[in-house]
C-alpha atoms as a PDB file:
ATOM      1  CA  UNK A   1     -10.310  -2.656  12.416  1.00  0.00           C
ATOM      2  CA  UNK A   2      -6.317  -3.773  12.743  1.00  0.00           C
ATOM      3  CA  UNK A   3      -5.396  -5.387  15.999  1.00  0.00           C
ATOM      4  CA  UNK A   4      -1.545  -4.093  14.867  1.00  0.00           C
ATOM      5  CA  UNK A   5      -0.210  -0.440  13.818  1.00  0.00           C
ATOM      6  CA  UNK A   6       1.962  -0.010  11.925  1.00  0.00           C
ATOM      7  CA  UNK A   7       4.536   0.608  13.450  1.00  0.00           C
ATOM      8  CA  UNK A   8       4.060  -2.547  15.777  1.00  0.00           C
ATOM      9  CA  UNK A   9       3.469  -4.561  12.732  1.00  0.00           C
ATOM     10  CA  UNK A  10       7.151  -3.248  10.992  1.00  0.00           C
ATOM     11  CA  UNK A  11       8.740  -3.524  14.369  1.00  0.00           C
ATOM     12  CA  UNK A  12       8.103  -8.113  14.581  1.00  0.00           C
ATOM     13  CA  UNK A  13       9.274  -8.213  10.522  1.00  0.00           C
ATOM     14  CA  UNK A  14      12.371  -6.608  11.278  1.00  0.00           C
ATOM     15  CA  UNK A  15      12.796  -9.192  14.453  1.00  0.00           C
ATOM     16  CA  UNK A  16      11.596 -11.809  12.685  1.00  0.00           C
ATOM     17  CA  UNK A  17      14.309 -11.601   9.983  1.00  0.00           C
ATOM     18  CA  UNK A  18      17.483 -10.336  12.317  1.00  0.00           C
ATOM     19  CA  UNK A  19      16.473 -13.585  14.298  1.00  0.00           C
ATOM     20  CA  UNK A  20      15.788 -15.417  10.704  1.00  0.00           C
ATOM     21  CA  UNK A  21      19.077 -14.613   9.591  1.00  0.00           C
ATOM     22  CA  UNK A  22      21.507 -14.075  12.633  1.00  0.00           C
ATOM     23  CA  UNK A  23      24.190 -17.014  12.168  1.00  0.00           C
ATOM     24  CA  UNK A  24      24.213 -15.379   7.854  1.00  0.00           C
ATOM     25  CA  UNK A  25      25.927 -11.503   9.105  1.00  0.00           C
ATOM     26  CA  UNK A  26      23.622  -9.026   7.022  1.00  0.00           C
ATOM     27  CA  UNK A  27      23.438  -5.873   7.873  1.00  0.00           C
ATOM     28  CA  UNK A  28      21.750  -2.390   6.692  1.00  0.00           C
ATOM     29  CA  UNK A  29      17.907  -3.828   7.747  1.00  0.00           C
ATOM     30  CA  UNK A  30      15.864  -1.401   5.956  1.00  0.00           C
ATOM     31  CA  UNK A  31      11.901  -1.653   5.670  1.00  0.00           C
ATOM     32  CA  UNK A  32      10.190  -1.090   2.102  1.00  0.00           C
ATOM     33  CA  UNK A  33       7.112  -1.866   1.701  1.00  0.00           C
ATOM     34  CA  UNK A  34       4.387  -2.520   4.059  1.00  0.00           C
ATOM     35  CA  UNK A  35       1.011  -3.874   2.822  1.00  0.00           C
ATOM     36  CA  UNK A  36      -2.302  -4.214   5.240  1.00  0.00           C
ATOM     37  CA  UNK A  37      -4.601  -7.304   2.285  1.00  0.00           C
ATOM     38  CA  UNK A  38      -7.689  -8.254   4.905  1.00  0.00           C
ATOM     39  CA  UNK A  39      -5.569  -9.525   7.837  1.00  0.00           C
ATOM     40  CA  UNK A  40      -2.651  -9.568   7.247  1.00  0.00           C
ATOM     41  CA  UNK A  41       0.846  -7.068   6.768  1.00  0.00           C
ATOM     42  CA  UNK A  42       2.707  -7.761   4.871  1.00  0.00           C
ATOM     43  CA  UNK A  43       6.383  -5.848   4.975  1.00  0.00           C
ATOM     44  CA  UNK A  44       8.533  -5.545   2.701  1.00  0.00           C
ATOM     45  CA  UNK A  45      12.321  -5.961   4.456  1.00  0.00           C
ATOM     46  CA  UNK A  46      15.778  -5.162   2.373  1.00  0.00           C
ATOM     47  CA  UNK A  47      19.377  -6.660   3.795  1.00  0.00           C
ATOM     48  CA  UNK A  48      22.250  -6.571   2.824  1.00  0.00           C
ATOM     49  CA  UNK A  49      23.432 -10.228   2.696  1.00  0.00           C
ATOM     50  CA  UNK A  50      27.048 -11.355   2.695  1.00  0.00           C
ATOM     51  CA  UNK A  51      28.041 -14.136  -0.374  1.00  0.00           C
ATOM     52  CA  UNK A  52      31.223 -15.288  -1.049  1.00  0.00           C
ATOM     53  CA  UNK A  53      31.760 -17.434  -3.999  1.00  0.00           C
ATOM     54  CA  UNK A  54      34.623 -19.213  -3.159  1.00  0.00           C
ATOM     55  CA  UNK A  55      36.207 -20.422  -0.143  1.00  0.00           C
ATOM     56  CA  UNK A  56      39.528 -18.435  -0.337  1.00  0.00           C
ATOM     57  CA  UNK A  57      38.066 -15.117  -1.698  1.00  0.00           C
ATOM     58  CA  UNK A  58      39.058 -12.343   0.183  1.00  0.00           C
ATOM     59  CA  UNK A  59      35.952  -9.876  -1.189  1.00  0.00           C
ATOM     60  CA  UNK A  60      32.951 -11.150   0.176  1.00  0.00           C
ATOM     61  CA  UNK A  61      30.369  -9.865  -2.729  1.00  0.00           C
ATOM     62  CA  UNK A  62      27.128  -7.926  -1.383  1.00  0.00           C
ATOM     63  CA  UNK A  63      23.399  -8.218  -1.971  1.00  0.00           C
ATOM     64  CA  UNK A  64      20.714  -6.538  -1.414  1.00  0.00           C
ATOM     65  CA  UNK A  65      18.090  -9.113  -0.515  1.00  0.00           C
ATOM     66  CA  UNK A  66      14.357  -8.609   0.176  1.00  0.00           C
ATOM     67  CA  UNK A  67      11.750 -10.621   2.018  1.00  0.00           C
ATOM     68  CA  UNK A  68       8.636 -10.044   2.468  1.00  0.00           C
ATOM     69  CA  UNK A  69       7.422 -11.321   6.492  1.00  0.00           C
ATOM     70  CA  UNK A  70       3.090 -11.595   6.123  1.00  0.00           C
ATOM     71  CA  UNK A  71       2.333 -10.936   9.817  1.00  0.00           C
ATOM     72  CA  UNK A  72      -1.918 -12.288  11.056  1.00  0.00           C
ATOM     73  CA  UNK A  73      -2.917  -9.084  12.308  1.00  0.00           C
ATOM     74  CA  UNK A  74      -5.116 -10.535  15.079  1.00  0.00           C
ATOM     75  CA  UNK A  75      -1.891 -12.444  16.966  1.00  0.00           C
ATOM     76  CA  UNK A  76       0.375 -10.439  16.234  1.00  0.00           C
ATOM     77  CA  UNK A  77       2.548 -13.243  14.616  1.00  0.00           C
ATOM     78  CA  UNK A  78       4.350 -14.069  11.728  1.00  0.00           C
ATOM     79  CA  UNK A  79       3.359 -16.885   9.128  1.00  0.00           C
ATOM     80  CA  UNK A  80       5.505 -16.911   6.734  1.00  0.00           C
ATOM     81  CA  UNK A  81       8.213 -15.184   4.199  1.00  0.00           C
ATOM     82  CA  UNK A  82       9.263 -15.209   0.819  1.00  0.00           C
ATOM     83  CA  UNK A  83      11.132 -13.081  -1.995  1.00  0.00           C
ATOM     84  CA  UNK A  84      10.371 -10.411  -2.705  1.00  0.00           C
ATOM     85  CA  UNK A  85      11.490  -9.705  -6.712  1.00  0.00           C
ATOM     86  CA  UNK A  86      12.272  -6.539  -7.205  1.00  0.00           C
END
């Protein structure tokens, strides 16, 4: 039986992503997918992450990134983060 409900798992994942990437100015953070396997929640979060190809570029190129946050169901803590291939 799950200890976390899906809403709590998503909230934990979003907060974790926001904290980890706070210095990079990410935007448009949103839920993409949720899957529970065994005692782990795999929550995919998408966001826009600005990159500059050269320091003197006036316009930043924005690329959508997708990260999968694995959350332990029993304790509600993130255990890992990995790239989600599209």
